[in-house]
């Protein structure tokens, strides 16, 4: 009963912490969303490099501006003022919009001054203004002003990075999901640890049981191989390799089975693993003896004899007992050097 009560208290604590964090995150999200999505007018203009050329001994310049409404609220009664230096003269004003519904007209035009009246600019609407100017002596003296809905246009900085509301929403949603997942992971850490310990214990118990079978599996795999049943031997030894991957003897005999089955590349891989896992003389003897089978199948007598001698030096009785029984050595049973090993 005490354990159940303690468990309930922990769960309530987790619920309270989760609720507080979720509430704080929601409040922060609401504030940020409100800040970025409150409808307002935001008029901006962008100026482009002025192009200058000569025409009939007169210097002509092309002045270009783009006016935009980057806010969420419609800009109404927008006025665009452009005043050039006194020595300049506006020859050909041209204005167009990406929205055909935008209406505009010139309310005043003088030698070096032009004022446009625009009925409204919605979000993403823009005006492209181009002026052909004569005798533009000082390009820095151009004055431009954009006004509408008590909003004054500002020069747009091309390097300015604006946060799209859609991107903002997605980012905030991902942050909330991440925080919730983090809380869930923390709250279940203790259960996960207990589950891990339980499964590890079960795995160790099963491994101990299987370890007792390794010797039987190895014997069965070797017997199959001795009888020429290499595929059956591979199946048994692959199971032994899975249960006891650190056994050099299993890798050595699996390599022999591969070699008998003509899979020489796989055999070499297993021999390399077996050699690295050698822990004692028995492992070393088995490695050299089975490696001699590989060289016998590849008609490399010199390497075969060398490995058989190494195996015999470790366990003479066992090697001399088996050497004349294995099929791999069948073509060498009349060879004097090979027969000398059986003495």
C-alpha atoms as a PDB file:
ATOM      1  CA  UNK A   1       0.000   0.000   0.000  1.00  0.00           C
ATOM      2  CA  UNK A   2       2.876   2.350   0.820  1.00  0.00           C
ATOM      3  CA  UNK A   3       4.501   1.746  -2.571  1.00  0.00           C
ATOM      4  CA  UNK A   4       1.254   2.458  -4.406  1.00  0.00           C
ATOM      5  CA  UNK A   5       0.804   5.709  -2.477  1.00  0.00           C
ATOM      6  CA  UNK A   6       4.364   6.816  -3.215  1.00  0.00           C
ATOM      7  CA  UNK A   7       3.825   6.005  -6.880  1.00  0.00           C
ATOM      8  CA  UNK A   8       0.681   8.135  -6.935  1.00  0.00           C
ATOM      9  CA  UNK A   9       2.525  11.064  -5.329  1.00  0.00           C
ATOM     10  CA  UNK A  10       5.254  10.862  -7.991  1.00  0.00           C
ATOM     11  CA  UNK A  11       2.670  10.788 -10.764  1.00  0.00           C
ATOM     12  CA  UNK A  12       0.882  13.843  -9.353  1.00  0.00           C
ATOM     13  CA  UNK A  13       4.197  15.670  -9.123  1.00  0.00           C
ATOM     14  CA  UNK A  14       4.926  14.892 -12.755  1.00  0.00           C
ATOM     15  CA  UNK A  15       1.470  16.054 -13.789  1.00  0.00           C
ATOM     16  CA  UNK A  16       1.862  19.375 -11.942  1.00  0.00           C
ATOM     17  CA  UNK A  17       5.321  20.004 -13.441  1.00  0.00           C
ATOM     18  CA  UNK A  18       4.046  19.137 -16.914  1.00  0.00           C
ATOM     19  CA  UNK A  19       1.065  21.472 -16.526  1.00  0.00           C
ATOM     20  CA  UNK A  20       3.229  24.384 -15.331  1.00  0.00           C
ATOM     21  CA  UNK A  21       5.768  24.022 -18.139  1.00  0.00           C
ATOM     22  CA  UNK A  22       3.038  23.604 -20.763  1.00  0.00           C
ATOM     23  CA  UNK A  23       1.252  26.685 -19.429  1.00  0.00           C
ATOM     24  CA  UNK A  24       4.404  28.804 -19.512  1.00  0.00           C
ATOM     25  CA  UNK A  25       5.232  27.673 -23.029  1.00  0.00           C
ATOM     26  CA  UNK A  26       1.671  28.380 -24.185  1.00  0.00           C
ATOM     27  CA  UNK A  27       1.820  31.860 -22.657  1.00  0.00           C
ATOM     28  CA  UNK A  28       5.156  32.587 -24.346  1.00  0.00           C
ATOM     29  CA  UNK A  29       3.804  31.313 -27.655  1.00  0.00           C
ATOM     30  CA  UNK A  30       0.703  33.475 -27.343  1.00  0.00           C
ATOM     31  CA  UNK A  31       2.779  36.587 -26.643  1.00  0.00           C
ATOM     32  CA  UNK A  32       5.125  35.961 -29.565  1.00  0.00           C
ATOM     33  CA  UNK A  33       2.294  35.120 -31.954  1.00  0.00           C
ATOM     34  CA  UNK A  34       0.386  38.223 -30.904  1.00  0.00           C
ATOM     35  CA  UNK A  35       3.465  40.371 -31.414  1.00  0.00           C
ATOM     36  CA  UNK A  36       4.162  39.049 -34.883  1.00  0.00           C
ATOM     37  CA  UNK A  37       0.592  38.753 -36.143  1.00  0.00           C
ATOM     38  CA  UNK A  38      -1.013  41.960 -34.860  1.00  0.00           C
ATOM     39  CA  UNK A  39      -2.378  43.739 -37.901  1.00  0.00           C
ATOM     40  CA  UNK A  40      -0.533  46.904 -38.750  1.00  0.00           C
ATOM     41  CA  UNK A  41       0.579  48.865 -41.742  1.00  0.00           C
ATOM     42  CA  UNK A  42       4.249  48.695 -42.616  1.00  0.00           C
ATOM     43  CA  UNK A  43       5.211  50.738 -45.646  1.00  0.00           C
ATOM     44  CA  UNK A  44       8.718  50.356 -47.002  1.00  0.00           C
ATOM     45  CA  UNK A  45      10.563  51.442 -50.093  1.00  0.00           C
ATOM     46  CA  UNK A  46      13.614  50.093 -51.829  1.00  0.00           C
ATOM     47  CA  UNK A  47      15.944  52.159 -53.980  1.00  0.00           C
ATOM     48  CA  UNK A  48      18.034  50.824 -56.815  1.00  0.00           C
ATOM     49  CA  UNK A  49      21.291  52.002 -58.373  1.00  0.00           C
ATOM     50  CA  UNK A  50      20.797  54.968 -60.669  1.00  0.00           C
ATOM     51  CA  UNK A  51      21.666  54.481 -64.329  1.00  0.00           C
ATOM     52  CA  UNK A  52      23.128  57.443 -66.203  1.00  0.00           C
ATOM     53  CA  UNK A  53      23.733  57.974 -69.937  1.00  0.00           C
ATOM     54  CA  UNK A  54      24.174  60.792 -72.469  1.00  0.00           C
ATOM     55  CA  UNK A  55      21.566  61.829 -75.028  1.00  0.00           C
ATOM     56  CA  UNK A  56      22.060  64.839 -77.322  1.00  0.00           C
ATOM     57  CA  UNK A  57      24.579  66.451 -75.004  1.00  0.00           C
ATOM     58  CA  UNK A  58      22.161  66.012 -72.115  1.00  0.00           C
ATOM     59  CA  UNK A  59      22.807  63.734 -69.179  1.00  0.00           C
ATOM     60  CA  UNK A  60      19.850  61.490 -68.490  1.00  0.00           C
ATOM     61  CA  UNK A  61      19.363  59.293 -65.430  1.00  0.00           C
ATOM     62  CA  UNK A  62      16.875  56.577 -64.576  1.00  0.00           C
ATOM     63  CA  UNK A  63      15.729  56.523 -60.948  1.00  0.00           C
ATOM     64  CA  UNK A  64      13.907  53.393 -59.693  1.00  0.00           C
ATOM     65  CA  UNK A  65      12.020  52.690 -56.480  1.00  0.00           C
ATOM     66  CA  UNK A  66       9.780  49.879 -55.246  1.00  0.00           C
ATOM     67  CA  UNK A  67       7.175  50.645 -52.578  1.00  0.00           C
ATOM     68  CA  UNK A  68       5.730  47.751 -50.561  1.00  0.00           C
ATOM     69  CA  UNK A  69       3.271  47.121 -47.760  1.00  0.00           C
ATOM     70  CA  UNK A  70       4.900  44.488 -45.578  1.00  0.00           C
ATOM     71  CA  UNK A  71       2.326  44.727 -42.811  1.00  0.00           C
ATOM     72  CA  UNK A  72      -0.857  42.684 -42.311  1.00  0.00           C
ATOM     73  CA  UNK A  73      -3.155  45.695 -42.480  1.00  0.00           C
ATOM     74  CA  UNK A  74      -4.210  47.480 -45.658  1.00  0.00           C
ATOM     75  CA  UNK A  75      -2.532  50.849 -46.218  1.00  0.00           C
ATOM     76  CA  UNK A  76      -4.988  53.501 -47.422  1.00  0.00           C
ATOM     77  CA  UNK A  77      -4.510  56.990 -48.881  1.00  0.00           C
ATOM     78  CA  UNK A  78      -0.870  56.361 -49.568  1.00  0.00           C
ATOM     79  CA  UNK A  79       1.095  59.359 -50.840  1.00  0.00           C
ATOM     80  CA  UNK A  80       4.479  59.136 -52.478  1.00  0.00           C
ATOM     81  CA  UNK A  81       6.638  62.303 -52.526  1.00  0.00           C
ATOM     82  CA  UNK A  82       9.784  62.497 -54.631  1.00  0.00           C
ATOM     83  CA  UNK A  83      11.797  65.704 -54.800  1.00  0.00           C
ATOM     84  CA  UNK A  84      14.927  66.013 -56.936  1.00  0.00           C
ATOM     85  CA  UNK A  85      17.701  68.630 -56.803  1.00  0.00           C
ATOM     86  CA  UNK A  86      16.633  72.055 -58.208  1.00  0.00           C
ATOM     87  CA  UNK A  87      18.777  71.667 -61.332  1.00  0.00           C
ATOM     88  CA  UNK A  88      17.042  68.415 -62.277  1.00  0.00           C
ATOM     89  CA  UNK A  89      13.941  67.959 -64.399  1.00  0.00           C
ATOM     90  CA  UNK A  90      11.569  65.008 -64.468  1.00  0.00           C
ATOM     91  CA  UNK A  91      10.911  64.010 -68.085  1.00  0.00           C
ATOM     92  CA  UNK A  92       9.027  60.692 -68.028  1.00  0.00           C
ATOM     93  CA  UNK A  93       7.488  59.303 -64.828  1.00  0.00           C
ATOM     94  CA  UNK A  94       6.274  55.723 -64.961  1.00  0.00           C
ATOM     95  CA  UNK A  95       4.536  53.700 -62.237  1.00  0.00           C
ATOM     96  CA  UNK A  96       2.975  50.243 -62.198  1.00  0.00           C
ATOM     97  CA  UNK A  97       1.755  47.706 -59.645  1.00  0.00           C
ATOM     98  CA  UNK A  98       1.766  43.940 -59.395  1.00  0.00           C
ATOM     99  CA  UNK A  99      -1.909  44.188 -58.434  1.00  0.00           C
ATOM    100  CA  UNK A 100      -4.117  45.509 -61.254  1.00  0.00           C
ATOM    101  CA  UNK A 101      -6.733  46.635 -58.692  1.00  0.00           C
ATOM    102  CA  UNK A 102      -4.372  49.203 -57.198  1.00  0.00           C
ATOM    103  CA  UNK A 103      -5.342  52.685 -58.391  1.00  0.00           C
ATOM    104  CA  UNK A 104      -2.903  55.596 -58.476  1.00  0.00           C
ATOM    105  CA  UNK A 105      -2.604  59.016 -60.028  1.00  0.00           C
ATOM    106  CA  UNK A 106      -0.319  62.049 -60.055  1.00  0.00           C
ATOM    107  CA  UNK A 107      -1.712  64.773 -57.809  1.00  0.00           C
ATOM    108  CA  UNK A 108       1.145  67.195 -58.385  1.00  0.00           C
ATOM    109  CA  UNK A 109       4.051  67.420 -60.789  1.00  0.00           C
ATOM    110  CA  UNK A 110       6.585  70.174 -61.128  1.00  0.00           C
ATOM    111  CA  UNK A 111      10.001  70.421 -62.687  1.00  0.00           C
ATOM    112  CA  UNK A 112      11.775  68.523 -59.927  1.00  0.00           C
ATOM    113  CA  UNK A 113       8.830  67.334 -57.807  1.00  0.00           C
ATOM    114  CA  UNK A 114       6.204  64.610 -58.243  1.00  0.00           C
ATOM    115  CA  UNK A 115       3.502  63.430 -55.842  1.00  0.00           C
ATOM    116  CA  UNK A 116       1.485  60.250 -56.335  1.00  0.00           C
ATOM    117  CA  UNK A 117      -1.788  59.342 -54.657  1.00  0.00           C
ATOM    118  CA  UNK A 118      -2.486  55.590 -54.197  1.00  0.00           C
ATOM    119  CA  UNK A 119      -5.923  54.420 -53.085  1.00  0.00           C
ATOM    120  CA  UNK A 120      -4.697  51.388 -51.101  1.00  0.00           C
ATOM    121  CA  UNK A 121      -1.945  48.832 -50.783  1.00  0.00           C
ATOM    122  CA  UNK A 122      -2.669  45.400 -49.389  1.00  0.00           C
ATOM    123  CA  UNK A 123      -0.118  43.031 -47.961  1.00  0.00           C
ATOM    124  CA  UNK A 124       2.257  41.829 -50.692  1.00  0.00           C
ATOM    125  CA  UNK A 125       1.175  44.670 -52.994  1.00  0.00           C
ATOM    126  CA  UNK A 126       3.984  46.730 -54.437  1.00  0.00           C
ATOM    127  CA  UNK A 127       4.510  49.743 -56.690  1.00  0.00           C
ATOM    128  CA  UNK A 128       7.392  50.014 -59.119  1.00  0.00           C
ATOM    129  CA  UNK A 129       8.276  53.646 -59.846  1.00  0.00           C
ATOM    130  CA  UNK A 130      10.655  54.692 -62.595  1.00  0.00           C
ATOM    131  CA  UNK A 131      11.654  58.291 -63.412  1.00  0.00           C
ATOM    132  CA  UNK A 132      13.610  59.507 -66.418  1.00  0.00           C
ATOM    133  CA  UNK A 133      15.487  62.533 -65.077  1.00  0.00           C
ATOM    134  CA  UNK A 134      17.488  65.191 -66.848  1.00  0.00           C
ATOM    135  CA  UNK A 135      20.596  66.808 -65.290  1.00  0.00           C
ATOM    136  CA  UNK A 136      20.614  64.860 -62.057  1.00  0.00           C
ATOM    137  CA  UNK A 137      23.739  66.501 -60.665  1.00  0.00           C
ATOM    138  CA  UNK A 138      23.752  65.236 -57.114  1.00  0.00           C
ATOM    139  CA  UNK A 139      22.178  61.835 -56.648  1.00  0.00           C
ATOM    140  CA  UNK A 140      22.382  62.053 -52.867  1.00  0.00           C
ATOM    141  CA  UNK A 141      20.010  65.049 -52.771  1.00  0.00           C
ATOM    142  CA  UNK A 142      16.975  63.035 -53.873  1.00  0.00           C
ATOM    143  CA  UNK A 143      14.254  63.165 -51.200  1.00  0.00           C
ATOM    144  CA  UNK A 144      11.580  60.460 -50.996  1.00  0.00           C
ATOM    145  CA  UNK A 145       8.743  60.111 -48.527  1.00  0.00           C
ATOM    146  CA  UNK A 146       5.968  57.501 -48.313  1.00  0.00           C
ATOM    147  CA  UNK A 147       2.966  58.053 -46.045  1.00  0.00           C
ATOM    148  CA  UNK A 148      -0.327  56.286 -45.418  1.00  0.00           C
ATOM    149  CA  UNK A 149      -2.599  55.383 -42.482  1.00  0.00           C
ATOM    150  CA  UNK A 150      -0.399  57.362 -40.086  1.00  0.00           C
ATOM    151  CA  UNK A 151       2.468  55.180 -41.235  1.00  0.00           C
ATOM    152  CA  UNK A 152       5.714  56.568 -42.596  1.00  0.00           C
ATOM    153  CA  UNK A 153       7.585  54.436 -45.097  1.00  0.00           C
ATOM    154  CA  UNK A 154      11.119  53.337 -44.260  1.00  0.00           C
ATOM    155  CA  UNK A 155      14.018  52.346 -46.446  1.00  0.00           C
ATOM    156  CA  UNK A 156      14.054  48.576 -46.851  1.00  0.00           C
ATOM    157  CA  UNK A 157      17.306  46.885 -45.838  1.00  0.00           C
ATOM    158  CA  UNK A 158      17.896  43.963 -48.175  1.00  0.00           C
ATOM    159  CA  UNK A 159      19.878  42.206 -45.466  1.00  0.00           C
ATOM    160  CA  UNK A 160      16.963  42.307 -43.059  1.00  0.00           C
ATOM    161  CA  UNK A 161      15.532  38.857 -42.390  1.00  0.00           C
ATOM    162  CA  UNK A 162      11.792  38.774 -41.735  1.00  0.00           C
ATOM    163  CA  UNK A 163      10.100  35.955 -39.874  1.00  0.00           C
ATOM    164  CA  UNK A 164       7.166  34.567 -41.794  1.00  0.00           C
ATOM    165  CA  UNK A 165       4.134  33.880 -39.545  1.00  0.00           C
ATOM    166  CA  UNK A 166       3.817  30.401 -41.047  1.00  0.00           C
ATOM    167  CA  UNK A 167       7.443  29.626 -40.248  1.00  0.00           C
ATOM    168  CA  UNK A 168       6.929  31.058 -36.779  1.00  0.00           C
ATOM    169  CA  UNK A 169       3.880  28.889 -36.155  1.00  0.00           C
ATOM    170  CA  UNK A 170       5.657  25.737 -37.311  1.00  0.00           C
ATOM    171  CA  UNK A 171       8.729  26.506 -35.197  1.00  0.00           C
ATOM    172  CA  UNK A 172       6.676  27.131 -32.085  1.00  0.00           C
ATOM    173  CA  UNK A 173       4.628  23.969 -32.600  1.00  0.00           C
ATOM    174  CA  UNK A 174       7.836  21.946 -32.962  1.00  0.00           C
ATOM    175  CA  UNK A 175       9.231  23.521 -29.789  1.00  0.00           C
ATOM    176  CA  UNK A 176       6.071  22.639 -27.865  1.00  0.00           C
ATOM    177  CA  UNK A 177       6.119  19.067 -29.174  1.00  0.00           C
ATOM    178  CA  UNK A 178       9.793  18.735 -28.241  1.00  0.00           C
ATOM    179  CA  UNK A 179       9.160  19.988 -24.684  1.00  0.00           C
ATOM    180  CA  UNK A 180       6.205  17.656 -24.210  1.00  0.00           C
ATOM    181  CA  UNK A 181       8.205  14.689 -25.508  1.00  0.00           C
ATOM    182  CA  UNK A 182      11.084  15.625 -23.221  1.00  0.00           C
ATOM    183  CA  UNK A 183       8.750  15.704 -20.226  1.00  0.00           C
ATOM    184  CA  UNK A 184       7.279  12.337 -21.181  1.00  0.00           C
ATOM    185  CA  UNK A 185      10.761  10.843 -21.546  1.00  0.00           C
ATOM    186  CA  UNK A 186      11.834  12.174 -18.158  1.00  0.00           C
ATOM    187  CA  UNK A 187       8.671  10.939 -16.479  1.00  0.00           C
ATOM    188  CA  UNK A 188       9.116   7.430 -17.884  1.00  0.00           C
ATOM    189  CA  UNK A 189      12.882   7.187 -17.329  1.00  0.00           C
ATOM    190  CA  UNK A 190      12.515   5.183 -14.125  1.00  0.00           C
ATOM    191  CA  UNK A 191      10.162   2.694 -15.740  1.00  0.00           C
ATOM    192  CA  UNK A 192      12.428   2.401 -18.753  1.00  0.00           C
ATOM    193  CA  UNK A 193      15.426   1.726 -16.502  1.00  0.00           C
ATOM    194  CA  UNK A 194      13.546  -0.992 -14.636  1.00  0.00           C
ATOM    195  CA  UNK A 195      12.431  -2.550 -17.920  1.00  0.00           C
ATOM    196  CA  UNK A 196      15.999  -2.469 -19.240  1.00  0.00           C
ATOM    197  CA  UNK A 197      17.319  -4.216 -16.110  1.00  0.00           C
ATOM    198  CA  UNK A 198      14.571  -6.825 -16.341  1.00  0.00           C
ATOM    199  CA  UNK A 199      15.266  -7.647 -19.992  1.00  0.00           C
ATOM    200  CA  UNK A 200      19.025  -7.657 -19.396  1.00  0.00           C
ATOM    201  CA  UNK A 201      18.565 -10.136 -16.574  1.00  0.00           C
ATOM    202  CA  UNK A 202      16.386 -12.346 -18.755  1.00  0.00           C
ATOM    203  CA  UNK A 203      18.905 -12.111 -21.573  1.00  0.00           C
ATOM    204  CA  UNK A 204      21.745 -13.106 -19.238  1.00  0.00           C
ATOM    205  CA  UNK A 205      19.733 -16.057 -17.987  1.00  0.00           C
ATOM    206  CA  UNK A 206      19.006 -17.177 -21.520  1.00  0.00           C
ATOM    207  CA  UNK A 207      22.670 -16.709 -22.452  1.00  0.00           C
ATOM    208  CA  UNK A 208      23.750 -18.921 -19.567  1.00  0.00           C
ATOM    209  CA  UNK A 209      21.376 -21.607 -20.744  1.00  0.00           C
ATOM    210  CA  UNK A 210      22.562 -21.302 -24.328  1.00  0.00           C
ATOM    211  CA  UNK A 211      26.229 -21.315 -23.295  1.00  0.00           C
ATOM    212  CA  UNK A 212      25.728 -24.825 -22.008  1.00  0.00           C
ATOM    213  CA  UNK A 213      24.576 -25.800 -25.472  1.00  0.00           C
ATOM    214  CA  UNK A 214      27.518 -24.251 -27.306  1.00  0.00           C
ATOM    215  CA  UNK A 215      29.723 -27.320 -26.912  1.00  0.00           C
ATOM    216  CA  UNK A 216      26.959 -29.559 -28.274  1.00  0.00           C
ATOM    217  CA  UNK A 217      26.359 -27.187 -31.201  1.00  0.00           C
ATOM    218  CA  UNK A 218      30.073 -27.070 -32.004  1.00  0.00           C
ATOM    219  CA  UNK A 219      30.312 -30.876 -31.941  1.00  0.00           C
ATOM    220  CA  UNK A 220      27.263 -31.202 -34.166  1.00  0.00           C
ATOM    221  CA  UNK A 221      28.619 -28.653 -36.659  1.00  0.00           C
ATOM    222  CA  UNK A 222      31.982 -30.422 -36.848  1.00  0.00           C
ATOM    223  CA  UNK A 223      30.303 -33.815 -37.341  1.00  0.00           C
ATOM    224  CA  UNK A 224      28.192 -32.465 -40.199  1.00  0.00           C
ATOM    225  CA  UNK A 225      31.299 -31.023 -41.825  1.00  0.00           C
ATOM    226  CA  UNK A 226      33.230 -34.301 -41.419  1.00  0.00           C
ATOM    227  CA  UNK A 227      30.362 -36.082 -43.180  1.00  0.00           C
ATOM    228  CA  UNK A 228      30.488 -33.653 -46.104  1.00  0.00           C
ATOM    229  CA  UNK A 229      27.217 -31.908 -45.118  1.00  0.00           C
ATOM    230  CA  UNK A 230      28.647 -28.411 -45.287  1.00  0.00           C
ATOM    231  CA  UNK A 231      25.320 -26.549 -45.587  1.00  0.00           C
ATOM    232  CA  UNK A 232      23.912 -28.259 -42.480  1.00  0.00           C
ATOM    233  CA  UNK A 233      27.181 -27.544 -40.703  1.00  0.00           C
ATOM    234  CA  UNK A 234      26.968 -23.835 -41.610  1.00  0.00           C
ATOM    235  CA  UNK A 235      23.412 -23.573 -40.250  1.00  0.00           C
ATOM    236  CA  UNK A 236      24.389 -25.119 -36.914  1.00  0.00           C
ATOM    237  CA  UNK A 237      27.613 -23.119 -36.565  1.00  0.00           C
ATOM    238  CA  UNK A 238      25.935 -19.833 -37.537  1.00  0.00           C
ATOM    239  CA  UNK A 239      23.546 -20.418 -34.647  1.00  0.00           C
ATOM    240  CA  UNK A 240      26.531 -21.107 -32.401  1.00  0.00           C
ATOM    241  CA  UNK A 241      28.209 -17.932 -33.673  1.00  0.00           C
ATOM    242  CA  UNK A 242      25.110 -15.944 -32.714  1.00  0.00           C
ATOM    243  CA  UNK A 243      24.967 -17.486 -29.234  1.00  0.00           C
ATOM    244  CA  UNK A 244      28.710 -17.352 -28.593  1.00  0.00           C
ATOM    245  CA  UNK A 245      30.302 -14.770 -30.924  1.00  0.00           C
ATOM    246  CA  UNK A 246      33.542 -14.665 -28.930  1.00  0.00           C
ATOM    247  CA  UNK A 247      34.298 -18.359 -29.538  1.00  0.00           C
ATOM    248  CA  UNK A 248      37.355 -18.754 -31.764  1.00  0.00           C
ATOM    249  CA  UNK A 249      36.580 -22.467 -32.259  1.00  0.00           C
ATOM    250  CA  UNK A 250      33.135 -21.758 -33.692  1.00  0.00           C
ATOM    251  CA  UNK A 251      34.520 -19.184 -36.144  1.00  0.00           C
ATOM    252  CA  UNK A 252      37.307 -21.587 -37.201  1.00  0.00           C
ATOM    253  CA  UNK A 253      34.920 -24.463 -37.903  1.00  0.00           C
ATOM    254  CA  UNK A 254      32.421 -22.151 -39.613  1.00  0.00           C
ATOM    255  CA  UNK A 255      35.282 -21.015 -41.867  1.00  0.00           C
ATOM    256  CA  UNK A 256      36.037 -24.659 -42.691  1.00  0.00           C
ATOM    257  CA  UNK A 257      32.351 -25.249 -43.562  1.00  0.00           C
ATOM    258  CA  UNK A 258      32.366 -22.195 -45.825  1.00  0.00           C
ATOM    259  CA  UNK A 259      35.514 -23.425 -47.543  1.00  0.00           C
ATOM    260  CA  UNK A 260      34.025 -26.888 -48.123  1.00  0.00           C
ATOM    261  CA  UNK A 261      30.992 -25.172 -49.615  1.00  0.00           C
ATOM    262  CA  UNK A 262      33.173 -23.151 -51.999  1.00  0.00           C
ATOM    263  CA  UNK A 263      32.587 -19.810 -50.237  1.00  0.00           C
ATOM    264  CA  UNK A 264      36.251 -18.918 -49.877  1.00  0.00           C
ATOM    265  CA  UNK A 265      35.788 -15.173 -49.212  1.00  0.00           C
ATOM    266  CA  UNK A 266      33.463 -15.842 -46.291  1.00  0.00           C
ATOM    267  CA  UNK A 267      35.890 -18.484 -45.041  1.00  0.00           C
ATOM    268  CA  UNK A 268      38.767 -15.984 -44.965  1.00  0.00           C
ATOM    269  CA  UNK A 269      36.627 -13.505 -43.002  1.00  0.00           C
ATOM    270  CA  UNK A 270      35.802 -16.124 -40.373  1.00  0.00           C
ATOM    271  CA  UNK A 271      39.440 -17.272 -40.145  1.00  0.00           C
ATOM    272  CA  UNK A 272      40.530 -13.677 -39.523  1.00  0.00           C
ATOM    273  CA  UNK A 273      37.954 -13.331 -36.750  1.00  0.00           C
ATOM    274  CA  UNK A 274      38.908 -16.695 -35.247  1.00  0.00           C
ATOM    275  CA  UNK A 275      42.599 -15.790 -35.169  1.00  0.00           C
ATOM    276  CA  UNK A 276      41.869 -12.554 -33.262  1.00  0.00           C
ATOM    277  CA  UNK A 277      39.726 -14.435 -30.712  1.00  0.00           C
ATOM    278  CA  UNK A 278      42.305 -17.137 -29.872  1.00  0.00           C
ATOM    279  CA  UNK A 279      42.557 -17.391 -26.084  1.00  0.00           C
ATOM    280  CA  UNK A 280      44.482 -20.609 -25.510  1.00  0.00           C
ATOM    281  CA  UNK A 281      46.248 -23.587 -27.055  1.00  0.00           C
ATOM    282  CA  UNK A 282      43.008 -25.369 -27.891  1.00  0.00           C
ATOM    283  CA  UNK A 283      41.766 -22.411 -29.890  1.00  0.00           C
ATOM    284  CA  UNK A 284      45.148 -22.117 -31.596  1.00  0.00           C
ATOM    285  CA  UNK A 285      45.200 -25.819 -32.471  1.00  0.00           C
ATOM    286  CA  UNK A 286      41.669 -25.723 -33.926  1.00  0.00           C
ATOM    287  CA  UNK A 287      42.469 -22.570 -35.898  1.00  0.00           C
ATOM    288  CA  UNK A 288      45.614 -24.067 -37.484  1.00  0.00           C
ATOM    289  CA  UNK A 289      43.997 -27.453 -38.144  1.00  0.00           C
ATOM    290  CA  UNK A 290      40.908 -25.995 -39.849  1.00  0.00           C
ATOM    291  CA  UNK A 291      43.066 -23.463 -41.744  1.00  0.00           C
ATOM    292  CA  UNK A 292      45.003 -26.445 -43.139  1.00  0.00           C
ATOM    293  CA  UNK A 293      41.673 -27.674 -44.593  1.00  0.00           C
ATOM    294  CA  UNK A 294      41.311 -24.353 -46.390  1.00  0.00           C
ATOM    295  CA  UNK A 295      44.779 -24.578 -47.949  1.00  0.00           C
ATOM    296  CA  UNK A 296      44.185 -28.219 -48.907  1.00  0.00           C
ATOM    297  CA  UNK A 297      41.056 -27.246 -50.829  1.00  0.00           C
ATOM    298  CA  UNK A 298      43.043 -24.473 -52.554  1.00  0.00           C
ATOM    299  CA  UNK A 299      45.918 -26.861 -53.484  1.00  0.00           C
ATOM    300  CA  UNK A 300      48.428 -24.929 -51.387  1.00  0.00           C
ATOM    301  CA  UNK A 301      50.423 -27.851 -50.004  1.00  0.00           C
ATOM    302  CA  UNK A 302      53.160 -25.769 -48.389  1.00  0.00           C
ATOM    303  CA  UNK A 303      50.718 -23.674 -46.322  1.00  0.00           C
ATOM    304  CA  UNK A 304      48.656 -26.767 -45.496  1.00  0.00           C
ATOM    305  CA  UNK A 305      51.701 -28.660 -44.122  1.00  0.00           C
ATOM    306  CA  UNK A 306      52.836 -25.616 -42.142  1.00  0.00           C
ATOM    307  CA  UNK A 307      49.493 -25.236 -40.356  1.00  0.00           C
ATOM    308  CA  UNK A 308      49.175 -28.980 -39.723  1.00  0.00           C
ATOM    309  CA  UNK A 309      52.588 -28.979 -38.062  1.00  0.00           C
ATOM    310  CA  UNK A 310      51.541 -26.075 -35.826  1.00  0.00           C
ATOM    311  CA  UNK A 311      48.370 -27.926 -34.836  1.00  0.00           C
ATOM    312  CA  UNK A 312      50.281 -31.172 -34.229  1.00  0.00           C
ATOM    313  CA  UNK A 313      52.820 -29.425 -32.003  1.00  0.00           C
ATOM    314  CA  UNK A 314      49.957 -28.413 -29.722  1.00  0.00           C
ATOM    315  CA  UNK A 315      47.870 -31.612 -29.705  1.00  0.00           C
ATOM    316  CA  UNK A 316      49.670 -34.466 -31.493  1.00  0.00           C
ATOM    317  CA  UNK A 317      47.206 -37.197 -30.449  1.00  0.00           C
ATOM    318  CA  UNK A 318      44.102 -35.404 -31.663  1.00  0.00           C
ATOM    319  CA  UNK A 319      45.641 -34.267 -34.955  1.00  0.00           C
ATOM    320  CA  UNK A 320      47.093 -37.680 -35.886  1.00  0.00           C
ATOM    321  CA  UNK A 321      43.747 -39.257 -35.017  1.00  0.00           C
ATOM    322  CA  UNK A 322      41.762 -37.054 -37.425  1.00  0.00           C
ATOM    323  CA  UNK A 323      44.223 -36.242 -40.165  1.00  0.00           C
ATOM    324  CA  UNK A 324      43.604 -39.402 -42.205  1.00  0.00           C
ATOM    325  CA  UNK A 325      39.822 -39.187 -41.807  1.00  0.00           C
ATOM    326  CA  UNK A 326      39.081 -35.741 -43.229  1.00  0.00           C
ATOM    327  CA  UNK A 327      38.058 -35.631 -46.893  1.00  0.00           C
ATOM    328  CA  UNK A 328      39.910 -32.346 -47.532  1.00  0.00           C
ATOM    329  CA  UNK A 329      43.225 -34.187 -47.262  1.00  0.00           C
ATOM    330  CA  UNK A 330      42.154 -37.037 -49.554  1.00  0.00           C
ATOM    331  CA  UNK A 331      44.416 -36.014 -52.454  1.00  0.00           C
ATOM    332  CA  UNK A 332      47.475 -35.932 -50.161  1.00  0.00           C
ATOM    333  CA  UNK A 333      47.149 -39.344 -48.502  1.00  0.00           C
ATOM    334  CA  UNK A 334      49.886 -40.775 -50.721  1.00  0.00           C
ATOM    335  CA  UNK A 335      52.168 -37.780 -50.236  1.00  0.00           C
ATOM    336  CA  UNK A 336      55.269 -38.629 -48.211  1.00  0.00           C
ATOM    337  CA  UNK A 337      55.460 -35.263 -46.479  1.00  0.00           C
ATOM    338  CA  UNK A 338      51.808 -35.491 -45.512  1.00  0.00           C
ATOM    339  CA  UNK A 339      52.139 -39.083 -44.321  1.00  0.00           C
ATOM    340  CA  UNK A 340      55.073 -38.083 -42.146  1.00  0.00           C
ATOM    341  CA  UNK A 341      52.675 -35.976 -40.100  1.00  0.00           C
ATOM    342  CA  UNK A 342      50.758 -39.104 -39.136  1.00  0.00           C
ATOM    343  CA  UNK A 343      53.745 -40.688 -37.471  1.00  0.00           C
END
